């Protein structure tokens, strides 16, 4: 019975700790990403198009 108790303790402390820590880290990351999203599709597409145009202009000017 002692081995079973040790495995259970390992599961609760190590495995559950890793899973809970990973979940907390991903939750914090999601909060940061969520705060950068504004929700405007038109704005996002406009910024993407401006980025592509600037990239093309930069490549044309360099080469």
Protein backbone atom coordinates (compact mmCIF):
# COMPACT_ATOMS: atom_id res chain seq x y z
CA UNK A 1 0.00 0.00 0.00
CA UNK A 2 2.94 2.31 0.58
CA UNK A 3 3.90 2.36 -3.12
CA UNK A 4 0.36 3.30 -4.08
CA UNK A 5 0.41 6.21 -1.65
CA UNK A 6 3.72 7.43 -3.08
CA UNK A 7 2.40 7.26 -6.63
CA UNK A 8 -0.74 9.13 -5.57
CA UNK A 9 1.34 11.81 -3.83
CA UNK A 10 3.57 12.15 -6.93
CA UNK A 11 0.48 12.47 -9.10
CA UNK A 12 -1.07 15.16 -6.91
CA UNK A 13 2.07 17.21 -6.40
CA UNK A 14 4.07 16.84 -9.60
CA UNK A 15 1.69 15.94 -12.39
CA UNK A 16 -1.17 18.12 -11.17
CA UNK A 17 1.29 20.92 -10.40
CA UNK A 18 2.68 20.87 -13.93
CA UNK A 19 -0.78 20.78 -15.48
CA UNK A 20 -2.07 23.58 -13.24
CA UNK A 21 1.04 25.68 -13.89
CA UNK A 22 0.74 25.23 -17.64
CA UNK A 23 -2.94 26.16 -17.53
CA UNK A 24 -2.17 29.30 -15.53
CA UNK A 25 0.62 30.33 -17.91
CA UNK A 26 -1.61 29.84 -20.96
CA UNK A 27 -4.37 31.80 -19.24
CA UNK A 28 -2.01 34.74 -18.67
CA UNK A 29 -0.80 34.55 -22.28
CA UNK A 30 -4.38 34.51 -23.55
CA UNK A 31 -5.14 37.59 -21.45
CA UNK A 32 -2.26 39.46 -23.02
CA UNK A 33 -3.23 38.44 -26.55
CA UNK A 34 -6.86 39.30 -25.86
CA UNK A 35 -5.90 42.81 -24.79
CA UNK A 36 -4.17 43.44 -28.13
CA UNK A 37 -7.22 42.46 -30.17
CA UNK A 38 -9.57 45.26 -31.02
CA UNK A 39 -12.17 43.24 -32.85
CA UNK A 40 -12.32 45.32 -36.04
CA UNK A 41 -11.82 43.10 -39.08
CA UNK A 42 -11.60 46.11 -41.40
CA UNK A 43 -8.86 47.66 -39.30
CA UNK A 44 -6.91 44.41 -39.21
CA UNK A 45 -7.15 43.96 -42.97
CA UNK A 46 -6.14 47.56 -43.59
CA UNK A 47 -3.08 47.19 -41.36
CA UNK A 48 -2.16 43.91 -43.08
CA UNK A 49 -2.48 45.55 -46.50
CA UNK A 50 -0.35 48.52 -45.41
CA UNK A 51 2.26 46.07 -44.10
CA UNK A 52 2.34 44.18 -47.39
CA UNK A 53 2.65 47.42 -49.39
CA UNK A 54 5.49 48.64 -47.16
CA UNK A 55 7.23 45.28 -47.47
CA UNK A 56 6.96 45.35 -51.27
CA UNK A 57 8.19 48.95 -51.39
CA UNK A 58 11.10 48.07 -49.15
CA UNK A 59 12.07 45.12 -51.33
CA UNK A 60 11.78 47.20 -54.53
CA UNK A 61 13.96 49.95 -53.07
CA UNK A 62 16.63 47.53 -51.81
CA UNK A 63 16.85 45.39 -54.94
